[in-house]
Amino acid sequence: MNSDSQRMSGLLKTLINPLVNHPEDINIQPAEQGNTVVLEVRVNPEDMGKVIGKGGRRAEALRTVMKAQATRLGRRVVVDILD
């Protein structure tokens, strides 16, 4: 894992942290696939709705911010929110 994927997972954790009631349960697994960084996010089941938001709006906003960061680094990013 390189510094780009570590930087992106740190940013994503910083964004998710204030949304959840159980920040200790945030688990982000970065994986490299060529020029793409895949970030698999797991949170406490109670917090899943808070991270996804109504109609997936909050999840989409998180993906937009992460895409902007990845673009700055010359990379692509995929954010998978898993239960």
N, C-alpha and C. Protein backbone atom coordinates (compact mmCIF):
# COMPACT_ATOMS: atom_id res chain seq x y z
N MET A 1 0.86 -1.18 0.00
CA MET A 1 0.00 0.00 0.00
C MET A 1 0.89 1.23 0.00
N ASN A 2 0.60 2.18 -0.87
CA ASN A 2 1.44 3.37 -0.94
C ASN A 2 0.82 4.54 -0.19
N SER A 3 1.53 5.65 -0.22
CA SER A 3 1.07 6.81 0.56
C SER A 3 -0.23 7.41 0.02
N ASP A 4 -0.48 7.29 -1.30
CA ASP A 4 -1.74 7.80 -1.85
C ASP A 4 -2.94 7.10 -1.23
N SER A 5 -2.90 5.78 -1.17
CA SER A 5 -4.04 5.05 -0.61
C SER A 5 -4.15 5.30 0.89
N GLN A 6 -3.03 5.45 1.58
CA GLN A 6 -3.08 5.77 3.01
C GLN A 6 -3.68 7.16 3.22
N ARG A 7 -3.27 8.11 2.39
CA ARG A 7 -3.79 9.48 2.49
C ARG A 7 -5.30 9.50 2.23
N MET A 8 -5.73 8.76 1.20
CA MET A 8 -7.15 8.74 0.87
C MET A 8 -7.96 8.05 1.96
N SER A 9 -7.44 6.93 2.54
CA SER A 9 -8.20 6.30 3.61
C SER A 9 -8.27 7.18 4.84
N GLY A 10 -7.20 7.94 5.12
CA GLY A 10 -7.23 8.87 6.25
C GLY A 10 -8.27 9.96 6.06
N LEU A 11 -8.34 10.50 4.84
CA LEU A 11 -9.33 11.54 4.55
C LEU A 11 -10.75 10.98 4.70
N LEU A 12 -10.98 9.79 4.16
CA LEU A 12 -12.32 9.19 4.24
C LEU A 12 -12.70 8.94 5.69
N LYS A 13 -11.76 8.46 6.50
CA LYS A 13 -12.05 8.22 7.92
C LYS A 13 -12.38 9.54 8.62
N THR A 14 -11.66 10.60 8.27
CA THR A 14 -11.92 11.92 8.85
C THR A 14 -13.32 12.40 8.48
N LEU A 15 -13.76 12.12 7.26
CA LEU A 15 -15.09 12.54 6.83
C LEU A 15 -16.20 11.74 7.50
N ILE A 16 -15.97 10.45 7.71
CA ILE A 16 -16.99 9.57 8.27
C ILE A 16 -17.09 9.72 9.78
N ASN A 17 -15.97 9.98 10.44
CA ASN A 17 -15.90 10.01 11.91
C ASN A 17 -17.01 10.83 12.58
N PRO A 18 -17.27 12.08 12.17
CA PRO A 18 -18.32 12.83 12.87
C PRO A 18 -19.75 12.36 12.57
N LEU A 19 -19.91 11.50 11.59
CA LEU A 19 -21.25 11.05 11.20
C LEU A 19 -21.77 9.90 12.07
N VAL A 20 -20.85 9.17 12.70
CA VAL A 20 -21.23 7.91 13.35
C VAL A 20 -21.22 8.01 14.87
N ASN A 21 -21.97 7.12 15.52
CA ASN A 21 -21.98 7.02 16.98
C ASN A 21 -20.88 6.11 17.51
N HIS A 22 -20.34 5.27 16.64
CA HIS A 22 -19.30 4.32 17.05
C HIS A 22 -18.06 4.50 16.16
N PRO A 23 -17.32 5.60 16.34
CA PRO A 23 -16.16 5.84 15.47
C PRO A 23 -15.07 4.77 15.60
N GLU A 24 -15.04 4.07 16.74
CA GLU A 24 -14.03 3.01 16.91
C GLU A 24 -14.28 1.83 15.99
N ASP A 25 -15.50 1.72 15.44
CA ASP A 25 -15.83 0.61 14.55
C ASP A 25 -15.60 0.92 13.07
N ILE A 26 -15.08 2.11 12.76
CA ILE A 26 -14.81 2.44 11.36
C ILE A 26 -13.61 1.62 10.91
N ASN A 27 -13.79 0.89 9.82
CA ASN A 27 -12.71 0.07 9.27
C ASN A 27 -12.64 0.35 7.77
N ILE A 28 -11.51 0.87 7.32
CA ILE A 28 -11.33 1.17 5.89
C ILE A 28 -10.15 0.34 5.39
N GLN A 29 -10.44 -0.51 4.42
CA GLN A 29 -9.41 -1.35 3.82
C GLN A 29 -9.08 -0.84 2.42
N PRO A 30 -7.91 -0.24 2.23
CA PRO A 30 -7.54 0.20 0.88
C PRO A 30 -6.92 -0.96 0.09
N ALA A 31 -7.18 -0.96 -1.20
CA ALA A 31 -6.58 -1.95 -2.10
C ALA A 31 -6.22 -1.24 -3.40
N GLU A 32 -5.07 -1.59 -3.94
CA GLU A 32 -4.61 -1.00 -5.19
C GLU A 32 -5.00 -1.90 -6.35
N GLN A 33 -5.55 -1.30 -7.39
CA GLN A 33 -5.84 -2.04 -8.62
C GLN A 33 -5.37 -1.17 -9.77
N GLY A 34 -4.11 -1.29 -10.12
CA GLY A 34 -3.54 -0.42 -11.15
C GLY A 34 -3.51 1.01 -10.65
N ASN A 35 -4.13 1.91 -11.40
CA ASN A 35 -4.16 3.33 -11.04
C ASN A 35 -5.36 3.66 -10.14
N THR A 36 -6.12 2.64 -9.77
CA THR A 36 -7.33 2.85 -8.98
C THR A 36 -7.10 2.39 -7.55
N VAL A 37 -7.58 3.19 -6.60
CA VAL A 37 -7.56 2.80 -5.19
C VAL A 37 -8.98 2.44 -4.82
N VAL A 38 -9.17 1.22 -4.31
CA VAL A 38 -10.48 0.77 -3.85
C VAL A 38 -10.48 0.87 -2.34
N LEU A 39 -11.45 1.62 -1.80
CA LEU A 39 -11.57 1.78 -0.35
C LEU A 39 -12.84 1.07 0.10
N GLU A 40 -12.66 -0.02 0.85
CA GLU A 40 -13.80 -0.77 1.38
C GLU A 40 -14.07 -0.27 2.79
N VAL A 41 -15.26 0.27 3.00
CA VAL A 41 -15.63 0.88 4.28
C VAL A 41 -16.60 -0.02 5.02
N ARG A 42 -16.29 -0.28 6.27
CA ARG A 42 -17.20 -1.00 7.15
C ARG A 42 -17.39 -0.15 8.41
N VAL A 43 -18.66 -0.02 8.83
CA VAL A 43 -18.98 0.71 10.06
C VAL A 43 -19.92 -0.16 10.89
N ASN A 44 -20.15 0.26 12.12
CA ASN A 44 -21.10 -0.44 12.98
C ASN A 44 -22.46 -0.48 12.27
N PRO A 45 -23.17 -1.61 12.33
CA PRO A 45 -24.47 -1.69 11.64
C PRO A 45 -25.44 -0.58 12.03
N GLU A 46 -25.38 -0.10 13.27
CA GLU A 46 -26.25 1.00 13.70
C GLU A 46 -25.96 2.29 12.93
N ASP A 47 -24.72 2.45 12.47
CA ASP A 47 -24.30 3.68 11.82
C ASP A 47 -24.42 3.65 10.30
N MET A 48 -24.80 2.49 9.75
CA MET A 48 -24.84 2.34 8.29
C MET A 48 -25.74 3.39 7.64
N GLY A 49 -26.92 3.61 8.19
CA GLY A 49 -27.85 4.58 7.62
C GLY A 49 -27.30 5.99 7.66
N LYS A 50 -26.55 6.32 8.69
CA LYS A 50 -25.97 7.66 8.81
C LYS A 50 -24.91 7.90 7.75
N VAL A 51 -24.16 6.86 7.43
CA VAL A 51 -23.09 6.99 6.43
C VAL A 51 -23.69 7.05 5.03
N ILE A 52 -24.72 6.27 4.77
CA ILE A 52 -25.33 6.24 3.44
C ILE A 52 -26.23 7.45 3.21
N GLY A 53 -27.01 7.84 4.22
CA GLY A 53 -27.88 9.00 4.10
C GLY A 53 -29.15 8.68 3.33
N LYS A 54 -30.07 9.63 3.35
CA LYS A 54 -31.35 9.45 2.65
C LYS A 54 -31.12 9.35 1.15
N GLY A 55 -31.60 8.27 0.59
CA GLY A 55 -31.46 8.08 -0.85
C GLY A 55 -30.02 7.95 -1.31
N GLY A 56 -29.11 7.67 -0.36
CA GLY A 56 -27.70 7.52 -0.73
C GLY A 56 -26.98 8.84 -0.96
N ARG A 57 -27.59 9.95 -0.55
CA ARG A 57 -26.99 11.27 -0.81
C ARG A 57 -25.66 11.45 -0.10
N ARG A 58 -25.60 11.03 1.17
CA ARG A 58 -24.37 11.23 1.92
C ARG A 58 -23.24 10.35 1.35
N ALA A 59 -23.56 9.13 0.98
CA ALA A 59 -22.56 8.25 0.37
C ALA A 59 -22.05 8.86 -0.94
N GLU A 60 -22.97 9.43 -1.70
CA GLU A 60 -22.59 10.04 -2.98
C GLU A 60 -21.69 11.25 -2.73
N ALA A 61 -21.99 12.04 -1.69
CA ALA A 61 -21.15 13.19 -1.35
C ALA A 61 -19.76 12.74 -0.93
N LEU A 62 -19.68 11.66 -0.15
CA LEU A 62 -18.38 11.12 0.25
C LEU A 62 -17.58 10.69 -0.99
N ARG A 63 -18.26 10.03 -1.92
CA ARG A 63 -17.58 9.58 -3.14
C ARG A 63 -17.09 10.77 -3.97
N THR A 64 -17.88 11.85 -4.00
CA THR A 64 -17.49 13.04 -4.76
C THR A 64 -16.24 13.68 -4.18
N VAL A 65 -16.19 13.80 -2.85
CA VAL A 65 -15.00 14.38 -2.20
C VAL A 65 -13.78 13.49 -2.46
N MET A 66 -13.98 12.19 -2.34
CA MET A 66 -12.85 11.27 -2.56
C MET A 66 -12.38 11.29 -4.01
N LYS A 67 -13.32 11.45 -4.93
CA LYS A 67 -12.94 11.53 -6.35
C LYS A 67 -12.10 12.77 -6.61
N ALA A 68 -12.48 13.89 -5.97
CA ALA A 68 -11.71 15.12 -6.12
C ALA A 68 -10.29 14.94 -5.59
N GLN A 69 -10.15 14.29 -4.44
CA GLN A 69 -8.83 14.03 -3.87
C GLN A 69 -8.01 13.12 -4.79
N ALA A 70 -8.64 12.07 -5.31
CA ALA A 70 -7.94 11.14 -6.19
C ALA A 70 -7.47 11.85 -7.46
N THR A 71 -8.31 12.72 -8.00
CA THR A 71 -7.95 13.47 -9.20
C THR A 71 -6.72 14.33 -8.95
N ARG A 72 -6.66 14.96 -7.78
CA ARG A 72 -5.49 15.78 -7.42
C ARG A 72 -4.22 14.93 -7.39
N LEU A 73 -4.36 13.65 -7.02
CA LEU A 73 -3.22 12.75 -6.92
C LEU A 73 -2.96 12.01 -8.23
N GLY A 74 -3.78 12.28 -9.25
CA GLY A 74 -3.62 11.59 -10.53
C GLY A 74 -4.05 10.14 -10.48
N ARG A 75 -5.01 9.84 -9.62
CA ARG A 75 -5.48 8.47 -9.44
C ARG A 75 -6.99 8.41 -9.65
N ARG A 76 -7.53 7.20 -9.56
CA ARG A 76 -8.98 7.00 -9.53
C ARG A 76 -9.30 6.35 -8.19
N VAL A 77 -10.54 6.49 -7.75
CA VAL A 77 -10.93 5.90 -6.47
C VAL A 77 -12.33 5.31 -6.58
N VAL A 78 -12.52 4.20 -5.87
CA VAL A 78 -13.83 3.56 -5.75
C VAL A 78 -14.07 3.41 -4.25
N VAL A 79 -15.20 3.93 -3.77
CA VAL A 79 -15.57 3.79 -2.36
C VAL A 79 -16.70 2.81 -2.26
N ASP A 80 -16.44 1.65 -1.62
CA ASP A 80 -17.46 0.62 -1.41
C ASP A 80 -17.85 0.63 0.07
N ILE A 81 -19.12 0.88 0.34
CA ILE A 81 -19.62 0.86 1.71
C ILE A 81 -20.25 -0.51 1.91
N LEU A 82 -19.64 -1.32 2.76
CA LEU A 82 -20.06 -2.71 2.95
C LEU A 82 -20.71 -2.88 4.32
N ASP A 83 -21.64 -3.84 4.40
CA ASP A 83 -22.23 -4.11 5.71
C ASP A 83 -21.65 -5.38 6.30
